[in-house]
Structure formats: C-alpha cells, structure tokens
Amino acid sequence: MENNTITWGDFEKVEIRVGTIIAATDFLKARKPAYQLQIDFGTEIGIKKSSAQIKTHYKEEDLIGKQIIAVVNFPKKQIGNFMSECLVLGLVGEGNDVVLLSPDILVPNGLRMA
C-alpha cells in the first residue's frame, strides 16, 4: 500500500453524513449495472441524488428506507444523463461487488461522521 498520508485538517474538510434512501430506480443508461438513488440527509442538507453500482447485493425495494453513509461535499458529477450530487460509501470486494456502509442503529439523517 502506498503511503498517502493526509493531515487532520484534510480529513475535517470531508463531510461524511448519514442519509436515508427514499427512492431507488434502475439507471438504464449507466455503462455498468447501477441504481439512481435519492437520499434524504435531513433539513440542513436536504435530498441529494447519487448513482451506485450496488446491484449485486441490493434490490430496489430493499434499498428504500435504508440508512447509508455518503460524502456530501464533493462537486456534482455528470454520469451519463444523470447528475450525481453525493458519493455513497461502500466496501469493495471481489469482482468489484460493493457492500454499503450504514449505521447499525437508526440515527437522525444528516449526522456527521466524527
């Protein structure tokens, strides 16, 4: 592993928050199988959109109401015909299969990782 040391100040700039998925639909124009997600991050941040290549382990109906962890302060990114507004975080395993990061108990949307 390469030494990519960052400072505490670098880390503090990253806004990692919890949100609840309120909508999940097939992202038909994505190059790799993916969903388009709408995620509620609470009143301070609101609802943000993201795309996620998580179809191996998750079905649309199982995602609704699921709390996830995401970076909410990256610049928006155009992905095909879709504008992603946050980066949903997950663990990448064999075959690039992604398992979402999520809290193990229900917490208020918008809480920041500390």
PDB file of N, CA and C in Angstrom:
ATOM      1  N   MET A   1       0.840  -1.185   0.000  1.00  0.00           N
ATOM      2  CA  MET A   1       0.000   0.000   0.000  1.00  0.00           C
ATOM      3  C   MET A   1       0.879   1.241   0.000  1.00  0.00           C
ATOM      4  N   GLU A   2       0.563   2.154  -0.865  1.00  0.00           N
ATOM      5  CA  GLU A   2       1.306   3.397  -0.992  1.00  0.00           C
ATOM      6  C   GLU A   2       1.014   4.309   0.201  1.00  0.00           C
ATOM      7  N   ASN A   3       1.999   5.081   0.629  1.00  0.00           N
ATOM      8  CA  ASN A   3       1.818   5.990   1.756  1.00  0.00           C
ATOM      9  C   ASN A   3       1.150   7.269   1.262  1.00  0.00           C
ATOM     10  N   ASN A   4      -0.165   7.366   1.476  1.00  0.00           N
ATOM     11  CA  ASN A   4      -0.934   8.548   1.087  1.00  0.00           C
ATOM     12  C   ASN A   4      -1.415   9.274   2.336  1.00  0.00           C
ATOM     13  N   THR A   5      -0.498   9.635   3.205  1.00  0.00           N
ATOM     14  CA  THR A   5      -0.835  10.279   4.462  1.00  0.00           C
ATOM     15  C   THR A   5      -1.493  11.633   4.216  1.00  0.00           C
ATOM     16  N   ILE A   6      -2.595  11.880   4.948  1.00  0.00           N
ATOM     17  CA  ILE A   6      -3.240  13.187   4.900  1.00  0.00           C
ATOM     18  C   ILE A   6      -3.177  13.799   6.291  1.00  0.00           C
ATOM     19  N   THR A   7      -3.436  15.087   6.368  1.00  0.00           N
ATOM     20  CA  THR A   7      -3.444  15.760   7.663  1.00  0.00           C
ATOM     21  C   THR A   7      -4.844  15.688   8.264  1.00  0.00           C
ATOM     22  N   TRP A   8      -4.927  15.952   9.559  1.00  0.00           N
ATOM     23  CA  TRP A   8      -6.225  16.014  10.219  1.00  0.00           C
ATOM     24  C   TRP A   8      -7.085  17.095   9.567  1.00  0.00           C
ATOM     25  N   GLY A   9      -6.471  18.188   9.186  1.00  0.00           N
ATOM     26  CA  GLY A   9      -7.199  19.271   8.507  1.00  0.00           C
ATOM     27  C   GLY A   9      -7.809  18.812   7.190  1.00  0.00           C
ATOM     28  N   ASP A  10      -7.075  17.966   6.439  1.00  0.00           N
ATOM     29  CA  ASP A  10      -7.620  17.408   5.194  1.00  0.00           C
ATOM     30  C   ASP A  10      -8.875  16.593   5.491  1.00  0.00           C
ATOM     31  N   PHE A  11      -8.790  15.738   6.498  1.00  0.00           N
ATOM     32  CA  PHE A  11      -9.910  14.866   6.850  1.00  0.00           C
ATOM     33  C   PHE A  11     -11.130  15.674   7.296  1.00  0.00           C
ATOM     34  N   GLU A  12     -10.898  16.739   8.052  1.00  0.00           N
ATOM     35  CA  GLU A  12     -12.010  17.554   8.558  1.00  0.00           C
ATOM     36  C   GLU A  12     -12.793  18.233   7.441  1.00  0.00           C
ATOM     37  N   LYS A  13     -12.200  18.391   6.289  1.00  0.00           N
ATOM     38  CA  LYS A  13     -12.890  19.018   5.150  1.00  0.00           C
ATOM     39  C   LYS A  13     -13.934  18.105   4.521  1.00  0.00           C
ATOM     40  N   VAL A  14     -13.810  16.796   4.728  1.00  0.00           N
ATOM     41  CA  VAL A  14     -14.725  15.836   4.110  1.00  0.00           C
ATOM     42  C   VAL A  14     -15.993  15.730   4.954  1.00  0.00           C
ATOM     43  N   GLU A  15     -17.138  16.044   4.347  1.00  0.00           N
ATOM     44  CA  GLU A  15     -18.439  15.972   5.027  1.00  0.00           C
ATOM     45  C   GLU A  15     -19.024  14.585   4.791  1.00  0.00           C
ATOM     46  N   ILE A  16     -18.866  13.709   5.765  1.00  0.00           N
ATOM     47  CA  ILE A  16     -19.407  12.355   5.679  1.00  0.00           C
ATOM     48  C   ILE A  16     -20.639  12.317   6.579  1.00  0.00           C
ATOM     49  N   ARG A  17     -21.801  12.072   5.951  1.00  0.00           N
ATOM     50  CA  ARG A  17     -23.080  12.158   6.660  1.00  0.00           C
ATOM     51  C   ARG A  17     -23.910  10.891   6.458  1.00  0.00           C
ATOM     52  N   VAL A  18     -24.885  10.710   7.343  1.00  0.00           N
ATOM     53  CA  VAL A  18     -25.845   9.619   7.203  1.00  0.00           C
ATOM     54  C   VAL A  18     -27.108  10.152   6.531  1.00  0.00           C
ATOM     55  N   GLY A  19     -27.673   9.339   5.663  1.00  0.00           N
ATOM     56  CA  GLY A  19     -28.925   9.681   4.998  1.00  0.00           C
ATOM     57  C   GLY A  19     -29.757   8.433   4.784  1.00  0.00           C
ATOM     58  N   THR A  20     -31.040   8.638   4.471  1.00  0.00           N
ATOM     59  CA  THR A  20     -31.956   7.531   4.219  1.00  0.00           C
ATOM     60  C   THR A  20     -32.360   7.530   2.755  1.00  0.00           C
ATOM     61  N   ILE A  21     -32.233   6.377   2.108  1.00  0.00           N
ATOM     62  CA  ILE A  21     -32.635   6.257   0.705  1.00  0.00           C
ATOM     63  C   ILE A  21     -34.155   6.323   0.636  1.00  0.00           C
ATOM     64  N   ILE A  22     -34.671   7.269  -0.156  1.00  0.00           N
ATOM     65  CA  ILE A  22     -36.120   7.428  -0.288  1.00  0.00           C
ATOM     66  C   ILE A  22     -36.613   6.987  -1.667  1.00  0.00           C
ATOM     67  N   ALA A  23     -35.700   6.802  -2.622  1.00  0.00           N
ATOM     68  CA  ALA A  23     -36.075   6.302  -3.945  1.00  0.00           C
ATOM     69  C   ALA A  23     -34.871   5.613  -4.571  1.00  0.00           C
ATOM     70  N   ALA A  24     -35.142   4.526  -5.289  1.00  0.00           N
ATOM     71  CA  ALA A  24     -34.101   3.783  -5.999  1.00  0.00           C
ATOM     72  C   ALA A  24     -34.701   3.260  -7.299  1.00  0.00           C
ATOM     73  N   THR A  25     -34.072   3.614  -8.417  1.00  0.00           N
ATOM     74  CA  THR A  25     -34.550   3.162  -9.722  1.00  0.00           C
ATOM     75  C   THR A  25     -33.371   2.676 -10.556  1.00  0.00           C
ATOM     76  N   ASP A  26     -33.647   1.780 -11.495  1.00  0.00           N
ATOM     77  CA  ASP A  26     -32.606   1.314 -12.410  1.00  0.00           C
ATOM     78  C   ASP A  26     -32.023   2.487 -13.173  1.00  0.00           C
ATOM     79  N   PHE A  27     -30.706   2.523 -13.279  1.00  0.00           N
ATOM     80  CA  PHE A  27     -30.011   3.538 -14.070  1.00  0.00           C
ATOM     81  C   PHE A  27     -29.728   2.883 -15.420  1.00  0.00           C
ATOM     82  N   LEU A  28     -30.694   2.952 -16.302  1.00  0.00           N
ATOM     83  CA  LEU A  28     -30.654   2.219 -17.565  1.00  0.00           C
ATOM     84  C   LEU A  28     -29.538   2.669 -18.497  1.00  0.00           C
ATOM     85  N   LYS A  29     -29.109   3.926 -18.406  1.00  0.00           N
ATOM     86  CA  LYS A  29     -28.074   4.434 -19.306  1.00  0.00           C
ATOM     87  C   LYS A  29     -26.661   4.314 -18.738  1.00  0.00           C
ATOM     88  N   ALA A  30     -26.526   3.703 -17.577  1.00  0.00           N
ATOM     89  CA  ALA A  30     -25.193   3.509 -16.977  1.00  0.00           C
ATOM     90  C   ALA A  30     -24.436   2.433 -17.745  1.00  0.00           C
ATOM     91  N   ARG A  31     -23.111   2.578 -17.820  1.00  0.00           N
ATOM     92  CA  ARG A  31     -22.283   1.575 -18.502  1.00  0.00           C
ATOM     93  C   ARG A  31     -22.256   0.257 -17.751  1.00  0.00           C
ATOM     94  N   LYS A  32     -22.241   0.323 -16.423  1.00  0.00           N
ATOM     95  CA  LYS A  32     -22.272  -0.870 -15.580  1.00  0.00           C
ATOM     96  C   LYS A  32     -23.581  -0.841 -14.801  1.00  0.00           C
ATOM     97  N   PRO A  33     -24.130  -2.009 -14.436  1.00  0.00           N
ATOM     98  CA  PRO A  33     -25.410  -2.038 -13.712  1.00  0.00           C
ATOM     99  C   PRO A  33     -25.369  -1.152 -12.465  1.00  0.00           C
ATOM    100  N   ALA A  34     -26.354  -0.255 -12.368  1.00  0.00           N
ATOM    101  CA  ALA A  34     -26.378   0.705 -11.256  1.00  0.00           C
ATOM    102  C   ALA A  34     -27.806   1.148 -10.965  1.00  0.00           C
ATOM    103  N   TYR A  35     -27.960   1.797  -9.823  1.00  0.00           N
ATOM    104  CA  TYR A  35     -29.218   2.437  -9.447  1.00  0.00           C
ATOM    105  C   TYR A  35     -29.016   3.940  -9.376  1.00  0.00           C
ATOM    106  N   GLN A  36     -30.091   4.671  -9.622  1.00  0.00           N
ATOM    107  CA  GLN A  36     -30.155   6.091  -9.305  1.00  0.00           C
ATOM    108  C   GLN A  36     -30.861   6.184  -7.958  1.00  0.00           C
ATOM    109  N   LEU A  37     -30.236   6.860  -7.021  1.00  0.00           N
ATOM    110  CA  LEU A  37     -30.763   6.958  -5.665  1.00  0.00           C
ATOM    111  C   LEU A  37     -31.130   8.390  -5.330  1.00  0.00           C
ATOM    112  N   GLN A  38     -32.181   8.557  -4.540  1.00  0.00           N
ATOM    113  CA  GLN A  38     -32.483   9.831  -3.892  1.00  0.00           C
ATOM    114  C   GLN A  38     -32.339   9.572  -2.398  1.00  0.00           C
ATOM    115  N   ILE A  39     -31.556  10.437  -1.741  1.00  0.00           N
ATOM    116  CA  ILE A  39     -31.198  10.210  -0.340  1.00  0.00           C
ATOM    117  C   ILE A  39     -31.543  11.448   0.476  1.00  0.00           C
ATOM    118  N   ASP A  40     -32.271  11.238   1.564  1.00  0.00           N
ATOM    119  CA  ASP A  40     -32.662  12.322   2.463  1.00  0.00           C
ATOM    120  C   ASP A  40     -31.605  12.464   3.555  1.00  0.00           C
ATOM    121  N   PHE A  41     -30.942  13.641   3.568  1.00  0.00           N
ATOM    122  CA  PHE A  41     -29.911  13.929   4.569  1.00  0.00           C
ATOM    123  C   PHE A  41     -30.410  14.895   5.646  1.00  0.00           C
ATOM    124  N   GLY A  42     -31.715  15.021   5.795  1.00  0.00           N
ATOM    125  CA  GLY A  42     -32.272  15.883   6.844  1.00  0.00           C
ATOM    126  C   GLY A  42     -32.436  17.319   6.390  1.00  0.00           C
ATOM    127  N   THR A  43     -32.945  18.150   7.298  1.00  0.00           N
ATOM    128  CA  THR A  43     -33.318  19.516   6.935  1.00  0.00           C
ATOM    129  C   THR A  43     -32.126  20.396   6.564  1.00  0.00           C
ATOM    130  N   GLU A  44     -30.985  20.206   7.182  1.00  0.00           N
ATOM    131  CA  GLU A  44     -29.817  21.053   6.899  1.00  0.00           C
ATOM    132  C   GLU A  44     -29.300  20.862   5.469  1.00  0.00           C
ATOM    133  N   ILE A  45     -29.263  19.632   4.997  1.00  0.00           N
ATOM    134  CA  ILE A  45     -28.685  19.314   3.683  1.00  0.00           C
ATOM    135  C   ILE A  45     -29.767  19.045   2.647  1.00  0.00           C
ATOM    136  N   GLY A  46     -30.840  18.386   3.041  1.00  0.00           N
ATOM    137  CA  GLY A  46     -31.939  18.077   2.124  1.00  0.00           C
ATOM    138  C   GLY A  46     -31.729  16.773   1.378  1.00  0.00           C
ATOM    139  N   ILE A  47     -32.376  16.675   0.228  1.00  0.00           N
ATOM    140  CA  ILE A  47     -32.326  15.467  -0.590  1.00  0.00           C
ATOM    141  C   ILE A  47     -31.270  15.620  -1.666  1.00  0.00           C
ATOM    142  N   LYS A  48     -30.429  14.606  -1.818  1.00  0.00           N
ATOM    143  CA  LYS A  48     -29.391  14.587  -2.849  1.00  0.00           C
ATOM    144  C   LYS A  48     -29.532  13.306  -3.658  1.00  0.00           C
ATOM    145  N   LYS A  49     -29.059  13.381  -4.913  1.00  0.00           N
ATOM    146  CA  LYS A  49     -29.097  12.246  -5.822  1.00  0.00           C
ATOM    147  C   LYS A  49     -27.701  11.642  -5.968  1.00  0.00           C
ATOM    148  N   SER A  50     -27.672  10.336  -6.203  1.00  0.00           N
ATOM    149  CA  SER A  50     -26.414   9.649  -6.440  1.00  0.00           C
ATOM    150  C   SER A  50     -26.681   8.432  -7.310  1.00  0.00           C
ATOM    151  N   SER A  51     -25.645   7.976  -7.999  1.00  0.00           N
ATOM    152  CA  SER A  51     -25.752   6.685  -8.670  1.00  0.00           C
ATOM    153  C   SER A  51     -24.830   5.726  -7.927  1.00  0.00           C
ATOM    154  N   ALA A  52     -25.207   4.451  -7.921  1.00  0.00           N
ATOM    155  CA  ALA A  52     -24.418   3.474  -7.174  1.00  0.00           C
ATOM    156  C   ALA A  52     -24.464   2.130  -7.884  1.00  0.00           C
ATOM    157  N   GLN A  53     -23.283   1.550  -8.060  1.00  0.00           N
ATOM    158  CA  GLN A  53     -23.166   0.224  -8.674  1.00  0.00           C
ATOM    159  C   GLN A  53     -23.250  -0.826  -7.567  1.00  0.00           C
ATOM    160  N   ILE A  54     -24.464  -1.058  -7.095  1.00  0.00           N
ATOM    161  CA  ILE A  54     -24.682  -1.936  -5.933  1.00  0.00           C
ATOM    162  C   ILE A  54     -25.702  -3.029  -6.227  1.00  0.00           C
ATOM    163  N   LYS A  55     -25.930  -3.316  -7.492  1.00  0.00           N
ATOM    164  CA  LYS A  55     -26.996  -4.250  -7.870  1.00  0.00           C
ATOM    165  C   LYS A  55     -26.704  -5.701  -7.501  1.00  0.00           C
ATOM    166  N   THR A  56     -25.454  -6.052  -7.258  1.00  0.00           N
ATOM    167  CA  THR A  56     -25.128  -7.437  -6.909  1.00  0.00           C
ATOM    168  C   THR A  56     -25.787  -7.845  -5.599  1.00  0.00           C
ATOM    169  N   HIS A  57     -25.780  -6.957  -4.612  1.00  0.00           N
ATOM    170  CA  HIS A  57     -26.274  -7.308  -3.277  1.00  0.00           C
ATOM    171  C   HIS A  57     -27.610  -6.676  -2.906  1.00  0.00           C
ATOM    172  N   TYR A  58     -28.110  -5.724  -3.709  1.00  0.00           N
ATOM    173  CA  TYR A  58     -29.295  -4.972  -3.298  1.00  0.00           C
ATOM    174  C   TYR A  58     -30.340  -4.916  -4.412  1.00  0.00           C
ATOM    175  N   LYS A  59     -31.607  -5.043  -4.010  1.00  0.00           N
ATOM    176  CA  LYS A  59     -32.744  -4.854  -4.907  1.00  0.00           C
ATOM    177  C   LYS A  59     -33.348  -3.499  -4.592  1.00  0.00           C
ATOM    178  N   GLU A  60     -33.973  -2.887  -5.603  1.00  0.00           N
ATOM    179  CA  GLU A  60     -34.566  -1.556  -5.419  1.00  0.00           C
ATOM    180  C   GLU A  60     -35.428  -1.490  -4.170  1.00  0.00           C
ATOM    181  N   GLU A  61     -36.335  -2.451  -4.010  1.00  0.00           N
ATOM    182  CA  GLU A  61     -37.288  -2.402  -2.901  1.00  0.00           C
ATOM    183  C   GLU A  61     -36.603  -2.565  -1.541  1.00  0.00           C
ATOM    184  N   ASP A  62     -35.452  -3.213  -1.504  1.00  0.00           N
ATOM    185  CA  ASP A  62     -34.722  -3.385  -0.240  1.00  0.00           C
ATOM    186  C   ASP A  62     -33.961  -2.114   0.163  1.00  0.00           C
ATOM    187  N   LEU A  63     -33.725  -1.235  -0.800  1.00  0.00           N
ATOM    188  CA  LEU A  63     -32.960  -0.022  -0.518  1.00  0.00           C
ATOM    189  C   LEU A  63     -33.814   1.076   0.120  1.00  0.00           C
ATOM    190  N   ILE A  64     -35.111   1.100  -0.187  1.00  0.00           N
ATOM    191  CA  ILE A  64     -35.983   2.150   0.330  1.00  0.00           C
ATOM    192  C   ILE A  64     -36.025   2.064   1.859  1.00  0.00           C
ATOM    193  N   GLY A  65     -35.699   3.172   2.512  1.00  0.00           N
ATOM    194  CA  GLY A  65     -35.676   3.242   3.969  1.00  0.00           C
ATOM    195  C   GLY A  65     -34.343   2.859   4.592  1.00  0.00           C
ATOM    196  N   LYS A  66     -33.386   2.419   3.775  1.00  0.00           N
ATOM    197  CA  LYS A  66     -32.068   2.025   4.287  1.00  0.00           C
ATOM    198  C   LYS A  66     -31.219   3.265   4.549  1.00  0.00           C
ATOM    199  N   GLN A  67     -30.613   3.324   5.720  1.00  0.00           N
ATOM    200  CA  GLN A  67     -29.683   4.408   6.012  1.00  0.00           C
ATOM    201  C   GLN A  67     -28.305   4.050   5.464  1.00  0.00           C
ATOM    202  N   ILE A  68     -27.662   5.043   4.867  1.00  0.00           N
ATOM    203  CA  ILE A  68     -26.340   4.850   4.269  1.00  0.00           C
ATOM    204  C   ILE A  68     -25.418   5.985   4.705  1.00  0.00           C
ATOM    205  N   ILE A  69     -24.150   5.828   4.399  1.00  0.00           N
ATOM    206  CA  ILE A  69     -23.137   6.843   4.688  1.00  0.00           C
ATOM    207  C   ILE A  69     -22.650   7.388   3.348  1.00  0.00           C
ATOM    208  N   ALA A  70     -22.504   8.719   3.261  1.00  0.00           N
ATOM    209  CA  ALA A  70     -22.085   9.324   2.000  1.00  0.00           C
ATOM    210  C   ALA A  70     -21.267  10.591   2.237  1.00  0.00           C
ATOM    211  N   VAL A  71     -20.438  10.917   1.258  1.00  0.00           N
ATOM    212  CA  VAL A  71     -19.737  12.203   1.232  1.00  0.00           C
ATOM    213  C   VAL A  71     -20.665  13.181   0.519  1.00  0.00           C
ATOM    214  N   VAL A  72     -20.985  14.296   1.186  1.00  0.00           N
ATOM    215  CA  VAL A  72     -21.971  15.228   0.629  1.00  0.00           C
ATOM    216  C   VAL A  72     -21.367  16.533   0.122  1.00  0.00           C
ATOM    217  N   ASN A  73     -20.045  16.697   0.220  1.00  0.00           N
ATOM    218  CA  ASN A  73     -19.468  17.978  -0.215  1.00  0.00           C
ATOM    219  C   ASN A  73     -18.485  17.852  -1.379  1.00  0.00           C
ATOM    220  N   PHE A  74     -18.550  16.761  -2.138  1.00  0.00           N
ATOM    221  CA  PHE A  74     -17.816  16.708  -3.403  1.00  0.00           C
ATOM    222  C   PHE A  74     -18.573  17.541  -4.427  1.00  0.00           C
ATOM    223  N   PRO A  75     -17.883  18.012  -5.476  1.00  0.00           N
ATOM    224  CA  PRO A  75     -18.610  18.691  -6.554  1.00  0.00           C
ATOM    225  C   PRO A  75     -19.559  17.707  -7.244  1.00  0.00           C
ATOM    226  N   LYS A  76     -20.627  18.237  -7.825  1.00  0.00           N
ATOM    227  CA  LYS A  76     -21.542  17.395  -8.599  1.00  0.00           C
ATOM    228  C   LYS A  76     -20.774  16.759  -9.747  1.00  0.00           C
ATOM    229  N   LYS A  77     -21.215  15.550 -10.145  1.00  0.00           N
ATOM    230  CA  LYS A  77     -20.528  14.830 -11.213  1.00  0.00           C
ATOM    231  C   LYS A  77     -21.556  14.310 -12.217  1.00  0.00           C
ATOM    232  N   GLN A  78     -21.345  14.634 -13.488  1.00  0.00           N
ATOM    233  CA  GLN A  78     -22.222  14.148 -14.552  1.00  0.00           C
ATOM    234  C   GLN A  78     -21.874  12.694 -14.859  1.00  0.00           C
ATOM    235  N   ILE A  79     -22.850  11.818 -14.752  1.00  0.00           N
ATOM    236  CA  ILE A  79     -22.672  10.407 -15.074  1.00  0.00           C
ATOM    237  C   ILE A  79     -23.733  10.069 -16.114  1.00  0.00           C
ATOM    238  N   GLY A  80     -23.325   9.997 -17.368  1.00  0.00           N
ATOM    239  CA  GLY A  80     -24.296   9.805 -18.449  1.00  0.00           C
ATOM    240  C   GLY A  80     -25.255  10.979 -18.476  1.00  0.00           C
ATOM    241  N   ASN A  81     -26.548  10.688 -18.398  1.00  0.00           N
ATOM    242  CA  ASN A  81     -27.555  11.750 -18.416  1.00  0.00           C
ATOM    243  C   ASN A  81     -28.022  12.114 -17.000  1.00  0.00           C
ATOM    244  N   PHE A  82     -27.218  11.788 -15.998  1.00  0.00           N
ATOM    245  CA  PHE A  82     -27.607  11.932 -14.592  1.00  0.00           C
ATOM    246  C   PHE A  82     -26.552  12.742 -13.845  1.00  0.00           C
ATOM    247  N   MET A  83     -26.996  13.655 -12.982  1.00  0.00           N
ATOM    248  CA  MET A  83     -26.085  14.462 -12.188  1.00  0.00           C
ATOM    249  C   MET A  83     -26.035  13.903 -10.763  1.00  0.00           C
ATOM    250  N   SER A  84     -24.888  13.341 -10.390  1.00  0.00           N
ATOM    251  CA  SER A  84     -24.698  12.794  -9.049  1.00  0.00           C
ATOM    252  C   SER A  84     -24.264  13.917  -8.115  1.00  0.00           C
ATOM    253  N   GLU A  85     -24.911  14.005  -6.945  1.00  0.00           N
ATOM    254  CA  GLU A  85     -24.667  15.106  -6.015  1.00  0.00           C
ATOM    255  C   GLU A  85     -23.939  14.689  -4.742  1.00  0.00           C
ATOM    256  N   CYS A  86     -23.729  13.397  -4.562  1.00  0.00           N
ATOM    257  CA  CYS A  86     -23.005  12.899  -3.392  1.00  0.00           C
ATOM    258  C   CYS A  86     -22.403  11.550  -3.739  1.00  0.00           C
ATOM    259  N   LEU A  87     -21.478  11.088  -2.894  1.00  0.00           N
ATOM    260  CA  LEU A  87     -20.819   9.804  -3.114  1.00  0.00           C
ATOM    261  C   LEU A  87     -21.221   8.843  -1.995  1.00  0.00           C
ATOM    262  N   VAL A  88     -22.001   7.830  -2.352  1.00  0.00           N
ATOM    263  CA  VAL A  88     -22.402   6.804  -1.400  1.00  0.00           C
ATOM    264  C   VAL A  88     -21.188   5.919  -1.133  1.00  0.00           C
ATOM    265  N   LEU A  89     -20.914   5.650   0.139  1.00  0.00           N
ATOM    266  CA  LEU A  89     -19.719   4.888   0.512  1.00  0.00           C
ATOM    267  C   LEU A  89     -20.030   3.413   0.720  1.00  0.00           C
ATOM    268  N   GLY A  90     -19.089   2.582   0.297  1.00  0.00           N
ATOM    269  CA  GLY A  90     -19.240   1.147   0.454  1.00  0.00           C
ATOM    270  C   GLY A  90     -17.891   0.471   0.472  1.00  0.00           C
ATOM    271  N   LEU A  91     -17.921  -0.812   0.743  1.00  0.00           N
ATOM    272  CA  LEU A  91     -16.717  -1.635   0.761  1.00  0.00           C
ATOM    273  C   LEU A  91     -16.685  -2.450  -0.524  1.00  0.00           C
ATOM    274  N   VAL A  92     -15.542  -2.452  -1.197  1.00  0.00           N
ATOM    275  CA  VAL A  92     -15.414  -3.133  -2.483  1.00  0.00           C
ATOM    276  C   VAL A  92     -14.748  -4.484  -2.281  1.00  0.00           C
ATOM    277  N   GLY A  93     -15.439  -5.542  -2.700  1.00  0.00           N
ATOM    278  CA  GLY A  93     -14.915  -6.891  -2.565  1.00  0.00           C
ATOM    279  C   GLY A  93     -14.511  -7.468  -3.907  1.00  0.00           C
ATOM    280  N   GLU A  94     -14.443  -8.793  -3.950  1.00  0.00           N
ATOM    281  CA  GLU A  94     -14.083  -9.480  -5.188  1.00  0.00           C
ATOM    282  C   GLU A  94     -15.066  -9.124  -6.293  1.00  0.00           C
ATOM    283  N   GLY A  95     -14.543  -8.987  -7.503  1.00  0.00           N
ATOM    284  CA  GLY A  95     -15.395  -8.661  -8.636  1.00  0.00           C
ATOM    285  C   GLY A  95     -15.977  -7.266  -8.573  1.00  0.00           C
ATOM    286  N   ASN A  96     -15.408  -6.401  -7.740  1.00  0.00           N
ATOM    287  CA  ASN A  96     -15.887  -5.028  -7.546  1.00  0.00           C
ATOM    288  C   ASN A  96     -17.304  -4.968  -6.983  1.00  0.00           C
ATOM    289  N   ASP A  97     -17.745  -6.031  -6.293  1.00  0.00           N
ATOM    290  CA  ASP A  97     -19.041  -6.018  -5.630  1.00  0.00           C
ATOM    291  C   ASP A  97     -18.971  -5.067  -4.439  1.00  0.00           C
ATOM    292  N   VAL A  98     -19.981  -4.201  -4.306  1.00  0.00           N
ATOM    293  CA  VAL A  98     -19.979  -3.174  -3.268  1.00  0.00           C
ATOM    294  C   VAL A  98     -21.011  -3.513  -2.195  1.00  0.00           C
ATOM    295  N   VAL A  99     -20.587  -3.391  -0.935  1.00  0.00           N
ATOM    296  CA  VAL A  99     -21.474  -3.508   0.224  1.00  0.00           C
ATOM    297  C   VAL A  99     -21.531  -2.130   0.862  1.00  0.00           C
ATOM    298  N   LEU A 100     -22.743  -1.607   1.015  1.00  0.00           N
ATOM    299  CA  LEU A 100     -22.923  -0.256   1.539  1.00  0.00           C
ATOM    300  C   LEU A 100     -22.503  -0.130   2.998  1.00  0.00           C
ATOM    301  N   LEU A 101     -21.933   1.030   3.337  1.00  0.00           N
ATOM    302  CA  LEU A 101     -21.674   1.370   4.741  1.00  0.00           C
ATOM    303  C   LEU A 101     -22.960   1.943   5.316  1.00  0.00           C
ATOM    304  N   SER A 102     -23.320   1.498   6.506  1.00  0.00           N
ATOM    305  CA  SER A 102     -24.531   2.017   7.137  1.00  0.00           C
ATOM    306  C   SER A 102     -24.414   1.887   8.648  1.00  0.00           C
ATOM    307  N   PRO A 103     -25.129   2.765   9.393  1.00  0.00           N
ATOM    308  CA  PRO A 103     -25.093   2.653  10.854  1.00  0.00           C
ATOM    309  C   PRO A 103     -25.813   1.379  11.293  1.00  0.00           C
ATOM    310  N   ASP A 104     -25.426   0.838  12.441  1.00  0.00           N
ATOM    311  CA  ASP A 104     -26.065  -0.390  12.909  1.00  0.00           C
ATOM    312  C   ASP A 104     -27.300  -0.129  13.766  1.00  0.00           C
ATOM    313  N   ILE A 105     -27.568   1.147  14.075  1.00  0.00           N
ATOM    314  CA  ILE A 105     -28.833   1.530  14.716  1.00  0.00           C
ATOM    315  C   ILE A 105     -29.368   2.760  13.983  1.00  0.00           C
ATOM    316  N   LEU A 106     -30.676   2.976  14.056  1.00  0.00           N
ATOM    317  CA  LEU A 106     -31.310   4.114  13.403  1.00  0.00           C
ATOM    318  C   LEU A 106     -30.863   5.411  14.065  1.00  0.00           C
ATOM    319  N   VAL A 107     -30.401   6.362  13.250  1.00  0.00           N
ATOM    320  CA  VAL A 107     -29.949   7.656  13.752  1.00  0.00           C
ATOM    321  C   VAL A 107     -30.596   8.758  12.906  1.00  0.00           C
ATOM    322  N   PRO A 108     -30.622   9.992  13.401  1.00  0.00           N
ATOM    323  CA  PRO A 108     -31.209  11.087  12.623  1.00  0.00           C
ATOM    324  C   PRO A 108     -30.422  11.337  11.335  1.00  0.00           C
ATOM    325  N   ASN A 109     -31.147  11.556  10.241  1.00  0.00           N
ATOM    326  CA  ASN A 109     -30.495  11.896   8.973  1.00  0.00           C
ATOM    327  C   ASN A 109     -29.684  13.174   9.125  1.00  0.00           C
ATOM    328  N   GLY A 110     -28.518  13.180   8.484  1.00  0.00           N
ATOM    329  CA  GLY A 110     -27.664  14.361   8.482  1.00  0.00           C
ATOM    330  C   GLY A 110     -26.553  14.328   9.507  1.00  0.00           C
ATOM    331  N   LEU A 111     -26.587  13.358  10.435  1.00  0.00           N
ATOM    332  CA  LEU A 111     -25.494  13.299  11.415  1.00  0.00           C
ATOM    333  C   LEU A 111     -24.172  13.167  10.682  1.00  0.00           C
ATOM    334  N   ARG A 112     -23.179  13.893  11.184  1.00  0.00           N
ATOM    335  CA  ARG A 112     -21.850  13.875  10.579  1.00  0.00           C
ATOM    336  C   ARG A 112     -20.971  12.836  11.248  1.00  0.00           C
ATOM    337  N   MET A 113     -20.176  12.164  10.448  1.00  0.00           N
ATOM    338  CA  MET A 113     -19.227  11.205  10.991  1.00  0.00           C
ATOM    339  C   MET A 113     -18.189  11.949  11.827  1.00  0.00           C
ATOM    340  N   ALA A 114     -17.851  11.384  12.969  1.00  0.00           N
ATOM    341  CA  ALA A 114     -16.867  12.033  13.852  1.00  0.00           C
ATOM    342  C   ALA A 114     -15.757  11.058  14.171  1.00  0.00           C
TER     343      ALA A 114
END
